Amino acid sequence: NILDRQSPRNRRIAEAFAKCGLVERSGQGMNLMFEQSIRQGKAVPDFAGTDEHTVFLTLSGEVQDPRFVRFLEKVGQETLASFTTQDFLALDSIHRELPIPDHLRQRLPRLVDLGLVERVGKGRGTRYILSRKFHAMLGQRGAYTRRRGLDKEANKALLLQHIRENTDKGTKMADLLQVLPSHSRQQVKSLIQQLKNEGLIINRGTTSAARWFLAEK
């Protein structure tokens, strides 16, 4: 990982970057490049094509999301001074709705505690979104509600799909619990009840013999 390991680099490139203010001789230059790119709403440095003998580096000057820049500026007035490069990278992944690399996941609890991101779901279904503060600042409270609601609606869709695929024999509660293994029995029952209230499924039988079927139209 180029952010964690120090390796000799091309001196002329280093001097050119230093004159542009992108790097410094303290050994923090690469970290600064990533941090500044994220702070300015730009794509992070791209090293695609790099091999043992040649380094390819692409720097983007396009500000991809000015709103995210404003958010980071606001956060910067409060707590950003103590943030690490890994914190920036984790925030960037969440903002772009990209998978969060394993080595950055250890930063997530702190970001949650600071109110910058929120945890949605439990267990293996857990995902992270930018906080209510971010969406409120942009006047996008509806988008925040939609993003939080995606988790519930996605789980309801999974349950409905399973019931649809087994509608000939019906589906037991035990099978539905396997569809959402990270959820408790009560949570799954709540989602099933919502599907029933929406007129999408019906229940036949009682106790352990009960089965769920698609509602007849």
Protein backbone atom coordinates (compact mmCIF):
# COMPACT_ATOMS: atom_id res chain seq x y z
CA ASN A 1 0.00 0.00 0.00
CA ILE A 2 1.63 3.22 -1.15
CA LEU A 3 0.16 5.12 1.81
CA ASP A 4 1.65 2.76 4.39
CA ARG A 5 5.03 1.80 2.92
CA GLN A 6 7.87 4.16 2.14
CA SER A 7 9.62 3.41 -1.17
CA PRO A 8 12.19 5.36 -3.23
CA ARG A 9 10.51 7.50 -5.88
CA ASN A 10 11.59 9.41 -8.96
CA ARG A 11 13.45 12.50 -7.72
CA ARG A 12 12.43 14.74 -10.63
CA ILE A 13 8.76 13.91 -10.18
CA ALA A 14 9.09 14.55 -6.44
CA GLU A 15 10.72 17.94 -7.07
CA ALA A 16 7.99 18.91 -9.55
CA PHE A 17 5.26 17.96 -7.07
CA ALA A 18 7.05 19.86 -4.30
CA LYS A 19 7.09 23.04 -6.39
CA CYS A 20 3.35 22.61 -7.01
CA GLY A 21 2.74 22.26 -3.27
CA LEU A 22 1.47 18.71 -3.63
CA VAL A 23 4.20 17.01 -1.59
CA GLU A 24 6.77 17.87 1.04
CA ARG A 25 9.96 16.28 2.28
CA SER A 26 8.52 15.07 5.58
CA GLY A 27 7.41 11.75 4.12
CA GLN A 28 3.75 12.83 4.18
CA GLY A 29 3.46 13.89 0.55
CA MET A 30 1.40 10.96 -0.68
CA ASN A 31 -0.97 11.28 2.27
CA LEU A 32 -1.42 14.97 1.47
CA MET A 33 -2.24 14.19 -2.15
CA PHE A 34 -5.04 11.84 -1.13
CA GLU A 35 -6.34 14.11 1.64
CA GLN A 36 -6.37 17.23 -0.53
CA SER A 37 -8.05 15.41 -3.41
CA ILE A 38 -10.88 14.29 -1.13
CA ARG A 39 -11.17 17.66 0.61
CA GLN A 40 -11.50 19.35 -2.77
CA GLY A 41 -14.11 16.88 -4.03
CA LYS A 42 -11.81 15.40 -6.66
CA ALA A 43 -11.09 11.80 -7.57
CA VAL A 44 -8.25 10.29 -5.55
CA PRO A 45 -4.89 9.78 -7.31
CA ASP A 46 -5.05 6.84 -9.71
CA PHE A 47 -2.04 4.53 -10.04
CA ALA A 48 -3.60 2.17 -12.59
CA GLY A 49 -0.94 0.66 -14.86
CA THR A 50 1.87 0.87 -12.30
CA ASP A 51 4.25 -2.11 -12.25
CA GLU A 52 7.65 -3.00 -10.79
CA HIS A 53 9.51 -0.70 -13.17
CA THR A 54 7.14 2.15 -14.02
CA VAL A 55 4.80 4.38 -12.05
CA PHE A 56 1.70 5.75 -13.76
CA LEU A 57 -0.13 8.50 -11.90
CA THR A 58 -3.33 10.28 -12.94
CA LEU A 59 -4.46 13.38 -11.04
CA SER A 60 -7.94 14.75 -11.71
CA GLY A 61 -8.62 18.47 -11.47
CA GLU A 62 -12.39 18.15 -11.81
CA VAL A 63 -14.47 18.89 -8.71
CA GLN A 64 -16.98 16.05 -8.89
CA ASP A 65 -19.31 17.09 -6.05
CA PRO A 66 -19.09 20.65 -4.69
CA ARG A 67 -21.67 19.74 -2.03
CA PHE A 68 -19.32 17.22 -0.48
CA VAL A 69 -16.61 19.89 -0.43
CA ARG A 70 -18.91 22.20 1.53
CA PHE A 71 -19.69 19.39 3.94
CA LEU A 72 -16.00 18.72 4.59
CA GLU A 73 -15.37 22.44 5.04
CA LYS A 74 -18.12 22.60 7.65
CA VAL A 75 -16.79 19.53 9.40
CA GLY A 76 -13.32 21.02 9.21
CA GLN A 77 -14.42 23.89 11.42
CA GLU A 78 -15.30 21.38 14.11
CA THR A 79 -13.20 18.21 14.11
CA LEU A 80 -11.37 17.67 10.82
CA ALA A 81 -7.98 18.76 12.16
CA SER A 82 -7.59 15.42 13.95
CA PHE A 83 -8.58 13.27 10.98
CA THR A 84 -6.21 10.76 9.41
CA THR A 85 -5.78 9.87 5.76
CA GLN A 86 -7.70 6.66 6.45
CA ASP A 87 -10.62 8.71 7.81
CA PHE A 88 -10.71 10.73 4.59
CA LEU A 89 -10.60 7.58 2.46
CA ALA A 90 -13.42 5.97 4.44
CA LEU A 91 -15.56 9.11 4.08
CA ASP A 92 -14.83 9.21 0.37
CA SER A 93 -15.89 5.57 -0.10
CA ILE A 94 -19.14 6.18 1.78
CA HIS A 95 -19.86 9.35 -0.18
CA ARG A 96 -19.32 7.56 -3.50
CA GLU A 97 -21.31 4.54 -2.25
CA LEU A 98 -18.35 2.25 -2.91
CA PRO A 99 -17.43 -0.87 -0.92
CA ILE A 100 -15.39 0.08 2.14
CA PRO A 101 -12.02 -1.74 2.11
CA ASP A 102 -11.37 -3.95 5.13
CA HIS A 103 -8.36 -1.92 6.26
CA LEU A 104 -10.56 1.20 6.55
CA ARG A 105 -13.40 -0.38 8.52
CA GLN A 106 -11.61 0.16 11.81
CA ARG A 107 -12.12 3.91 11.27
CA LEU A 108 -15.92 3.64 11.00
CA PRO A 109 -16.82 3.57 14.74
CA ARG A 110 -15.04 6.90 15.24
CA LEU A 111 -16.77 8.46 12.24
CA VAL A 112 -20.10 7.29 13.64
CA ASP A 113 -19.28 8.70 17.09
CA LEU A 114 -18.43 12.05 15.51
CA GLY A 115 -21.80 12.14 13.76
CA LEU A 116 -20.32 12.17 10.26
CA VAL A 117 -21.76 8.86 9.11
CA GLU A 118 -24.57 6.60 10.29
CA ARG A 119 -24.83 2.84 10.52
CA VAL A 120 -27.85 1.27 8.82
CA GLY A 121 -28.84 -2.35 9.42
CA LYS A 122 -27.18 -5.02 11.51
CA GLY A 123 -24.76 -7.91 11.08
CA ARG A 124 -23.69 -8.74 7.56
CA GLY A 125 -26.35 -6.39 6.21
CA THR A 126 -24.77 -3.33 7.82
CA ARG A 127 -23.99 -0.41 5.55
CA TYR A 128 -22.98 3.20 6.13
CA ILE A 129 -24.36 6.48 4.80
CA LEU A 130 -23.41 10.11 5.30
CA SER A 131 -25.21 11.50 8.32
CA ARG A 132 -28.42 13.46 8.63
CA LYS A 133 -26.20 16.52 9.19
CA PHE A 134 -24.82 16.25 5.65
CA HIS A 135 -28.24 15.97 4.01
CA ALA A 136 -29.76 18.69 6.22
CA MET A 137 -26.99 21.08 5.24
CA LEU A 138 -27.87 20.51 1.57
CA GLY A 139 -31.61 20.70 2.18
CA GLN A 140 -31.97 17.04 1.18
CA ARG A 141 -33.78 15.54 4.14
CA GLY A 142 -35.91 13.51 1.74
CA ALA A 143 -32.83 11.91 0.20
CA TYR A 144 -31.58 11.02 3.67
CA THR A 145 -34.87 9.33 4.53
CA ARG A 146 -34.82 7.45 1.22
CA ARG A 147 -31.26 6.18 1.78
CA ARG A 148 -32.08 4.98 5.28
CA GLY A 149 -35.25 3.36 4.02
CA LEU A 150 -33.47 1.42 1.28
CA ASP A 151 -32.34 -1.12 3.85
CA LYS A 152 -35.87 -1.97 4.98
CA GLU A 153 -37.35 -1.98 1.49
CA ALA A 154 -34.53 -4.16 0.16
CA ASN A 155 -35.11 -6.69 2.93
CA LYS A 156 -38.85 -6.72 2.29
CA ALA A 157 -38.14 -7.34 -1.39
CA LEU A 158 -35.91 -10.31 -0.52
CA LEU A 159 -38.61 -11.84 1.66
CA LEU A 160 -41.27 -11.28 -0.99
CA GLN A 161 -39.06 -12.83 -3.66
CA HIS A 162 -38.51 -15.94 -1.55
CA ILE A 163 -42.24 -16.30 -0.90
CA ARG A 164 -42.96 -15.83 -4.61
CA GLU A 165 -40.45 -18.51 -5.61
CA ASN A 166 -42.02 -20.99 -3.17
CA THR A 167 -45.64 -20.02 -3.52
CA ASP A 168 -46.74 -23.55 -4.49
CA LYS A 169 -45.92 -25.04 -1.06
CA GLY A 170 -45.77 -21.88 1.00
CA THR A 171 -42.93 -20.56 3.13
CA LYS A 172 -42.30 -21.25 6.81
CA MET A 173 -41.02 -18.61 9.20
CA ALA A 174 -37.88 -20.70 9.68
CA ASP A 175 -37.11 -20.32 5.97
CA LEU A 176 -37.66 -16.56 6.10
CA LEU A 177 -35.22 -16.29 8.99
CA GLN A 178 -32.59 -17.86 6.73
CA VAL A 179 -33.22 -15.20 4.09
CA LEU A 180 -32.17 -12.48 6.57
CA PRO A 181 -29.75 -14.24 8.94
CA SER A 182 -28.51 -10.97 10.42
CA HIS A 183 -32.01 -10.06 11.64
CA SER A 184 -33.76 -11.24 14.77
CA ARG A 185 -36.99 -13.23 14.60
CA GLN A 186 -38.94 -10.18 15.77
CA GLN A 187 -37.41 -8.00 13.04
CA VAL A 188 -38.33 -10.51 10.33
CA LYS A 189 -41.86 -10.84 11.74
CA SER A 190 -42.22 -7.07 11.59
CA LEU A 191 -41.23 -6.99 7.92
CA ILE A 192 -43.58 -9.87 7.13
CA GLN A 193 -46.43 -8.07 8.88
CA GLN A 194 -45.77 -5.00 6.75
CA LEU A 195 -45.97 -7.11 3.58
CA LYS A 196 -49.24 -8.56 4.84
CA ASN A 197 -50.65 -5.12 5.64
CA GLU A 198 -49.75 -4.02 2.11
CA GLY A 199 -51.86 -6.87 0.74
CA LEU A 200 -48.92 -8.66 -0.86
CA ILE A 201 -48.92 -11.91 1.13
CA ILE A 202 -51.34 -14.01 3.17
CA ASN A 203 -50.91 -16.54 5.96
CA ARG A 204 -52.41 -20.02 6.07
CA GLY A 205 -52.25 -22.31 9.06
CA THR A 206 -51.23 -21.71 12.65
CA THR A 207 -48.18 -22.15 14.89
CA SER A 208 -45.38 -24.23 13.36
CA ALA A 209 -47.59 -25.34 10.46
CA ALA A 210 -48.20 -21.78 9.27
CA ARG A 211 -47.14 -20.93 5.72
CA TRP A 212 -46.88 -17.66 3.81
CA PHE A 213 -48.19 -17.33 0.25
CA LEU A 214 -48.52 -14.58 -2.32
CA ALA A 215 -51.87 -12.84 -2.02
CA GLU A 216 -54.31 -13.72 -4.77
CA LYS A 217 -55.17 -10.86 -7.08
